[in-house]
N, C-alpha and C. Protein backbone atom coordinates (compact mmCIF):
# COMPACT_ATOMS: atom_id res chain seq x y z
N GLN A 1 0.83 -1.19 0.00
CA GLN A 1 0.00 0.00 0.00
C GLN A 1 0.87 1.25 0.00
N VAL A 2 0.42 2.25 -0.70
CA VAL A 2 1.07 3.55 -0.71
C VAL A 2 0.06 4.56 -0.20
N GLN A 3 0.47 5.35 0.77
CA GLN A 3 -0.39 6.41 1.28
C GLN A 3 0.13 7.75 0.79
N LEU A 4 -0.78 8.59 0.33
CA LEU A 4 -0.43 9.90 -0.21
C LEU A 4 -1.21 10.98 0.52
N VAL A 5 -0.50 12.01 0.95
CA VAL A 5 -1.16 13.10 1.68
C VAL A 5 -0.74 14.42 1.05
N GLU A 6 -1.73 15.14 0.50
CA GLU A 6 -1.47 16.45 -0.11
C GLU A 6 -1.64 17.55 0.92
N SER A 7 -0.96 18.65 0.67
CA SER A 7 -1.12 19.84 1.49
C SER A 7 -0.75 21.05 0.64
N GLY A 8 -1.16 22.23 1.12
CA GLY A 8 -0.74 23.46 0.49
C GLY A 8 -1.79 24.18 -0.32
N GLY A 9 -2.97 23.63 -0.44
CA GLY A 9 -4.01 24.32 -1.20
C GLY A 9 -4.48 25.58 -0.49
N GLY A 10 -5.32 26.35 -1.17
CA GLY A 10 -5.84 27.55 -0.56
C GLY A 10 -6.45 28.48 -1.57
N LEU A 11 -6.65 29.72 -1.15
CA LEU A 11 -7.25 30.76 -1.99
C LEU A 11 -6.18 31.76 -2.38
N VAL A 12 -6.14 32.09 -3.66
CA VAL A 12 -5.15 33.04 -4.14
C VAL A 12 -5.78 33.87 -5.26
N GLN A 13 -5.30 35.07 -5.43
CA GLN A 13 -5.79 35.91 -6.52
C GLN A 13 -5.14 35.52 -7.84
N ALA A 14 -5.82 35.80 -8.91
CA ALA A 14 -5.27 35.54 -10.24
C ALA A 14 -3.90 36.22 -10.37
N GLY A 15 -2.98 35.49 -10.95
CA GLY A 15 -1.62 35.99 -11.09
C GLY A 15 -0.70 35.59 -9.95
N GLY A 16 -1.29 35.07 -8.89
CA GLY A 16 -0.52 34.67 -7.72
C GLY A 16 0.06 33.28 -7.86
N SER A 17 0.65 32.82 -6.76
CA SER A 17 1.34 31.52 -6.75
C SER A 17 0.90 30.70 -5.54
N LEU A 18 0.97 29.39 -5.71
CA LEU A 18 0.75 28.45 -4.63
C LEU A 18 1.68 27.27 -4.83
N SER A 19 2.04 26.63 -3.73
CA SER A 19 2.85 25.43 -3.82
C SER A 19 2.13 24.29 -3.11
N LEU A 20 1.99 23.18 -3.79
CA LEU A 20 1.37 21.99 -3.21
C LEU A 20 2.46 20.96 -2.91
N SER A 21 2.22 20.19 -1.87
CA SER A 21 3.12 19.09 -1.51
C SER A 21 2.33 17.80 -1.44
N CYS A 22 3.01 16.71 -1.71
CA CYS A 22 2.40 15.39 -1.58
C CYS A 22 3.44 14.46 -0.97
N ALA A 23 3.15 14.00 0.23
CA ALA A 23 4.06 13.09 0.94
C ALA A 23 3.59 11.66 0.74
N ALA A 24 4.52 10.81 0.32
CA ALA A 24 4.21 9.40 0.09
C ALA A 24 4.81 8.54 1.18
N SER A 25 4.07 7.53 1.58
CA SER A 25 4.59 6.58 2.55
C SER A 25 4.06 5.20 2.19
N GLY A 26 4.69 4.18 2.73
CA GLY A 26 4.28 2.82 2.43
C GLY A 26 5.27 2.15 1.49
N ARG A 27 4.78 1.31 0.61
CA ARG A 27 5.62 0.50 -0.25
C ARG A 27 6.20 1.35 -1.39
N SER A 28 7.39 1.88 -1.22
CA SER A 28 7.95 2.79 -2.20
C SER A 28 8.25 2.11 -3.52
N PHE A 29 8.48 0.81 -3.52
CA PHE A 29 8.78 0.16 -4.79
C PHE A 29 7.54 0.03 -5.65
N SER A 30 6.39 0.40 -5.12
CA SER A 30 5.15 0.34 -5.90
C SER A 30 4.99 1.53 -6.83
N ASP A 31 5.79 2.58 -6.63
CA ASP A 31 5.57 3.77 -7.43
C ASP A 31 6.84 4.18 -8.16
N TYR A 32 6.74 4.33 -9.44
CA TYR A 32 7.85 4.80 -10.27
C TYR A 32 7.78 6.29 -10.46
N ALA A 33 6.58 6.81 -10.57
CA ALA A 33 6.38 8.23 -10.81
C ALA A 33 5.18 8.72 -10.01
N MET A 34 5.16 10.02 -9.81
CA MET A 34 4.08 10.68 -9.11
C MET A 34 3.43 11.69 -10.03
N GLY A 35 2.14 11.75 -9.98
CA GLY A 35 1.42 12.69 -10.84
C GLY A 35 0.52 13.60 -10.04
N TRP A 36 0.18 14.73 -10.67
CA TRP A 36 -0.84 15.63 -10.13
C TRP A 36 -1.98 15.68 -11.15
N PHE A 37 -3.17 15.56 -10.64
CA PHE A 37 -4.38 15.71 -11.43
C PHE A 37 -5.25 16.76 -10.76
N ARG A 38 -6.23 17.27 -11.48
CA ARG A 38 -7.16 18.20 -10.87
C ARG A 38 -8.56 17.96 -11.41
N GLN A 39 -9.51 18.32 -10.59
CA GLN A 39 -10.91 18.14 -10.98
C GLN A 39 -11.71 19.34 -10.53
N ALA A 40 -12.27 20.03 -11.52
CA ALA A 40 -13.15 21.15 -11.25
C ALA A 40 -14.59 20.65 -11.17
N PRO A 41 -15.47 21.38 -10.50
CA PRO A 41 -16.86 20.94 -10.38
C PRO A 41 -17.50 20.67 -11.74
N GLY A 42 -18.11 19.51 -11.89
CA GLY A 42 -18.78 19.17 -13.12
C GLY A 42 -17.88 18.76 -14.26
N LYS A 43 -16.59 18.63 -13.98
CA LYS A 43 -15.65 18.27 -15.04
C LYS A 43 -14.93 16.97 -14.71
N GLU A 44 -14.33 16.39 -15.75
CA GLU A 44 -13.54 15.19 -15.57
C GLU A 44 -12.23 15.52 -14.85
N ARG A 45 -11.70 14.54 -14.15
CA ARG A 45 -10.37 14.72 -13.55
C ARG A 45 -9.35 14.75 -14.69
N GLU A 46 -8.49 15.76 -14.67
CA GLU A 46 -7.54 15.92 -15.76
C GLU A 46 -6.10 15.95 -15.27
N PHE A 47 -5.24 15.52 -16.14
CA PHE A 47 -3.81 15.46 -15.85
C PHE A 47 -3.22 16.86 -15.77
N VAL A 48 -2.33 17.06 -14.81
CA VAL A 48 -1.60 18.32 -14.68
C VAL A 48 -0.11 18.12 -14.95
N SER A 49 0.50 17.21 -14.20
CA SER A 49 1.94 17.00 -14.36
C SER A 49 2.33 15.69 -13.70
N ALA A 50 3.55 15.23 -14.01
CA ALA A 50 4.07 14.02 -13.39
C ALA A 50 5.59 14.08 -13.39
N ILE A 51 6.18 13.35 -12.45
CA ILE A 51 7.63 13.33 -12.31
C ILE A 51 8.06 11.94 -11.88
N ALA A 52 9.20 11.50 -12.41
CA ALA A 52 9.75 10.20 -12.01
C ALA A 52 10.62 10.37 -10.76
N TRP A 53 10.56 9.40 -9.86
CA TRP A 53 11.41 9.44 -8.69
C TRP A 53 12.88 9.28 -9.08
N SER A 54 13.15 8.50 -10.12
CA SER A 54 14.52 8.09 -10.41
C SER A 54 15.36 9.18 -11.05
N ASP A 55 14.81 9.89 -12.03
CA ASP A 55 15.65 10.82 -12.79
C ASP A 55 15.00 12.17 -13.02
N SER A 56 13.89 12.43 -12.32
CA SER A 56 13.19 13.71 -12.43
C SER A 56 12.62 13.98 -13.82
N SER A 57 12.47 12.95 -14.62
CA SER A 57 11.75 13.17 -15.89
C SER A 57 10.38 13.73 -15.56
N THR A 58 9.95 14.71 -16.33
CA THR A 58 8.67 15.34 -16.06
C THR A 58 7.81 15.42 -17.33
N ARG A 59 6.54 15.57 -17.09
CA ARG A 59 5.59 15.80 -18.17
C ARG A 59 4.53 16.76 -17.64
N PHE A 60 4.10 17.68 -18.49
CA PHE A 60 3.12 18.68 -18.09
C PHE A 60 1.99 18.75 -19.12
N ALA A 61 0.82 19.06 -18.64
CA ALA A 61 -0.29 19.36 -19.54
C ALA A 61 0.01 20.68 -20.24
N ASP A 62 -0.47 20.81 -21.46
CA ASP A 62 -0.23 22.04 -22.21
C ASP A 62 -0.79 23.26 -21.48
N SER A 63 -1.86 23.07 -20.77
CA SER A 63 -2.53 24.19 -20.10
C SER A 63 -1.70 24.80 -18.96
N VAL A 64 -0.69 24.06 -18.48
CA VAL A 64 0.09 24.58 -17.36
C VAL A 64 1.57 24.76 -17.70
N LYS A 65 1.97 24.36 -18.90
CA LYS A 65 3.38 24.50 -19.29
C LYS A 65 3.82 25.95 -19.19
N GLY A 66 5.00 26.14 -18.61
CA GLY A 66 5.53 27.48 -18.46
C GLY A 66 5.04 28.18 -17.20
N ARG A 67 4.03 27.64 -16.56
CA ARG A 67 3.50 28.25 -15.33
C ARG A 67 3.72 27.36 -14.11
N PHE A 68 3.63 26.06 -14.30
CA PHE A 68 3.78 25.11 -13.19
C PHE A 68 5.11 24.38 -13.32
N THR A 69 5.71 24.10 -12.20
CA THR A 69 6.88 23.23 -12.16
C THR A 69 6.67 22.16 -11.10
N MET A 70 7.38 21.05 -11.28
CA MET A 70 7.25 19.93 -10.36
C MET A 70 8.63 19.48 -9.95
N SER A 71 8.77 19.16 -8.68
CA SER A 71 10.05 18.68 -8.18
C SER A 71 9.80 17.58 -7.16
N ARG A 72 10.89 16.90 -6.78
CA ARG A 72 10.73 15.84 -5.80
C ARG A 72 11.92 15.81 -4.86
N ASP A 73 11.66 15.31 -3.67
CA ASP A 73 12.69 15.12 -2.65
C ASP A 73 12.62 13.65 -2.27
N ASN A 74 13.54 12.86 -2.82
CA ASN A 74 13.48 11.42 -2.59
C ASN A 74 13.65 11.05 -1.13
N ALA A 75 14.49 11.78 -0.42
CA ALA A 75 14.73 11.46 0.99
C ALA A 75 13.46 11.62 1.80
N LYS A 76 12.65 12.61 1.45
CA LYS A 76 11.40 12.87 2.16
C LYS A 76 10.22 12.18 1.51
N ARG A 77 10.45 11.53 0.38
CA ARG A 77 9.38 10.90 -0.39
C ARG A 77 8.23 11.89 -0.61
N THR A 78 8.61 13.06 -1.03
CA THR A 78 7.65 14.15 -1.22
C THR A 78 7.83 14.77 -2.60
N VAL A 79 6.74 15.06 -3.25
CA VAL A 79 6.77 15.78 -4.52
C VAL A 79 6.06 17.11 -4.32
N TYR A 80 6.46 18.07 -5.13
CA TYR A 80 5.96 19.43 -5.00
C TYR A 80 5.44 19.91 -6.35
N LEU A 81 4.41 20.71 -6.29
CA LEU A 81 3.89 21.36 -7.49
C LEU A 81 3.89 22.86 -7.23
N GLN A 82 4.76 23.57 -7.90
CA GLN A 82 4.81 25.02 -7.79
C GLN A 82 3.96 25.61 -8.89
N MET A 83 2.95 26.37 -8.50
CA MET A 83 2.00 26.92 -9.47
C MET A 83 2.13 28.44 -9.47
N ASN A 84 2.55 28.98 -10.60
CA ASN A 84 2.72 30.42 -10.76
C ASN A 84 1.73 30.95 -11.79
N SER A 85 1.55 32.25 -11.79
CA SER A 85 0.66 32.90 -12.76
C SER A 85 -0.69 32.20 -12.80
N LEU A 86 -1.24 31.97 -11.64
CA LEU A 86 -2.49 31.21 -11.56
C LEU A 86 -3.65 31.96 -12.20
N LYS A 87 -4.54 31.19 -12.79
CA LYS A 87 -5.72 31.73 -13.47
C LYS A 87 -6.98 31.18 -12.80
N PRO A 88 -8.09 31.87 -12.92
CA PRO A 88 -9.33 31.32 -12.35
C PRO A 88 -9.65 29.91 -12.84
N GLU A 89 -9.27 29.62 -14.08
CA GLU A 89 -9.56 28.28 -14.61
C GLU A 89 -8.67 27.20 -14.00
N ASP A 90 -7.72 27.57 -13.18
CA ASP A 90 -6.92 26.59 -12.44
C ASP A 90 -7.64 26.12 -11.17
N THR A 91 -8.76 26.75 -10.86
CA THR A 91 -9.52 26.38 -9.67
C THR A 91 -10.01 24.94 -9.78
N ALA A 92 -9.69 24.14 -8.78
CA ALA A 92 -10.05 22.72 -8.79
C ALA A 92 -9.57 22.07 -7.50
N VAL A 93 -9.99 20.84 -7.30
CA VAL A 93 -9.36 20.01 -6.28
C VAL A 93 -8.18 19.32 -6.94
N TYR A 94 -7.03 19.44 -6.31
CA TYR A 94 -5.81 18.85 -6.86
C TYR A 94 -5.48 17.56 -6.11
N TYR A 95 -5.21 16.52 -6.88
CA TYR A 95 -4.92 15.21 -6.33
C TYR A 95 -3.53 14.77 -6.75
N CYS A 96 -2.78 14.18 -5.84
CA CYS A 96 -1.56 13.51 -6.26
C CYS A 96 -1.83 12.02 -6.35
N ALA A 97 -1.03 11.36 -7.15
CA ALA A 97 -1.25 9.95 -7.41
C ALA A 97 0.08 9.28 -7.72
N ALA A 98 0.13 7.98 -7.49
CA ALA A 98 1.36 7.21 -7.72
C ALA A 98 1.10 6.16 -8.79
N THR A 99 2.09 6.02 -9.69
CA THR A 99 2.00 5.02 -10.73
C THR A 99 3.27 4.19 -10.76
N SER A 100 3.12 2.92 -11.12
CA SER A 100 4.29 2.06 -11.25
C SER A 100 4.79 2.00 -12.70
N THR A 101 4.13 2.69 -13.60
CA THR A 101 4.56 2.62 -14.99
C THR A 101 5.71 3.58 -15.27
N PRO A 102 6.77 3.10 -15.94
CA PRO A 102 7.89 3.98 -16.28
C PRO A 102 7.70 4.69 -17.62
N TYR A 103 6.57 4.46 -18.28
CA TYR A 103 6.38 5.00 -19.62
C TYR A 103 5.76 6.39 -19.55
N ILE A 104 6.60 7.39 -19.80
CA ILE A 104 6.17 8.78 -19.67
C ILE A 104 4.97 9.08 -20.55
N ILE A 105 4.86 8.39 -21.67
CA ILE A 105 3.75 8.64 -22.58
C ILE A 105 2.41 8.29 -21.95
N MET A 106 2.45 7.46 -20.90
CA MET A 106 1.21 7.02 -20.27
C MET A 106 0.86 7.83 -19.04
N TRP A 107 1.72 8.71 -18.61
CA TRP A 107 1.52 9.39 -17.34
C TRP A 107 0.29 10.29 -17.31
N ALA A 108 -0.20 10.71 -18.44
CA ALA A 108 -1.39 11.57 -18.47
C ALA A 108 -2.68 10.78 -18.32
N ASN A 109 -2.57 9.46 -18.32
CA ASN A 109 -3.73 8.59 -18.24
C ASN A 109 -3.99 8.23 -16.78
N LYS A 110 -5.09 8.69 -16.24
CA LYS A 110 -5.34 8.47 -14.82
C LYS A 110 -5.52 7.00 -14.48
N SER A 111 -5.81 6.17 -15.46
CA SER A 111 -6.04 4.76 -15.17
C SER A 111 -4.76 4.02 -14.80
N VAL A 112 -3.58 4.60 -15.06
CA VAL A 112 -2.33 3.91 -14.72
C VAL A 112 -1.89 4.21 -13.30
N TYR A 113 -2.63 5.04 -12.61
CA TYR A 113 -2.29 5.40 -11.23
C TYR A 113 -3.08 4.52 -10.27
N GLY A 114 -2.34 3.85 -9.40
CA GLY A 114 -3.00 2.92 -8.50
C GLY A 114 -3.32 3.49 -7.13
N TYR A 115 -2.69 4.60 -6.79
CA TYR A 115 -2.89 5.19 -5.47
C TYR A 115 -3.15 6.68 -5.63
N TRP A 116 -4.07 7.18 -4.81
CA TRP A 116 -4.49 8.57 -4.88
C TRP A 116 -4.54 9.18 -3.49
N GLY A 117 -4.25 10.47 -3.42
CA GLY A 117 -4.44 11.21 -2.19
C GLY A 117 -5.87 11.67 -2.08
N GLN A 118 -6.14 12.37 -0.99
CA GLN A 118 -7.51 12.79 -0.71
C GLN A 118 -7.88 14.10 -1.41
N GLY A 119 -6.89 14.80 -1.92
CA GLY A 119 -7.13 16.03 -2.65
C GLY A 119 -7.01 17.27 -1.78
N THR A 120 -6.66 18.36 -2.41
CA THR A 120 -6.58 19.66 -1.73
C THR A 120 -7.16 20.72 -2.65
N GLN A 121 -7.96 21.61 -2.08
CA GLN A 121 -8.67 22.61 -2.89
C GLN A 121 -7.76 23.78 -3.22
N VAL A 122 -7.78 24.16 -4.49
CA VAL A 122 -7.11 25.38 -4.95
C VAL A 122 -8.17 26.26 -5.58
N THR A 123 -8.28 27.47 -5.08
CA THR A 123 -9.25 28.42 -5.60
C THR A 123 -8.54 29.69 -6.02
N VAL A 124 -8.74 30.08 -7.27
CA VAL A 124 -8.11 31.27 -7.82
C VAL A 124 -9.21 32.28 -8.12
N SER A 125 -9.16 33.39 -7.45
CA SER A 125 -10.18 34.42 -7.64
C SER A 125 -9.74 35.41 -8.72
N SER A 126 -10.73 35.94 -9.43
CA SER A 126 -10.42 36.87 -10.52
C SER A 126 -10.39 38.31 -10.04
């Protein structure tokens, strides 16, 4: 089992920044990469970004490229999502998730993630 706990959500004005954290515990060999997804009310959960524990390979959704960055601290088993230049359309519940697949091309597919956190709310006001 892998347990994931997100933190860092909140309310911010458009153009502002927020940083999310996701701490992983449990069977570390079960996860090759960590992803962030988000879900706005009435919408499907969508991919935001992902990072590999081994070499920091990353992938980002087009909607956040250039604004969001992702990093990891292997010693703390924690991944971070730094969100800059936030827009009202970034408002959503953000979830971190763990996947055992090493194929970066698949990281945007939520079905390859076996473990999910409880989510943290991010609200961007206009």
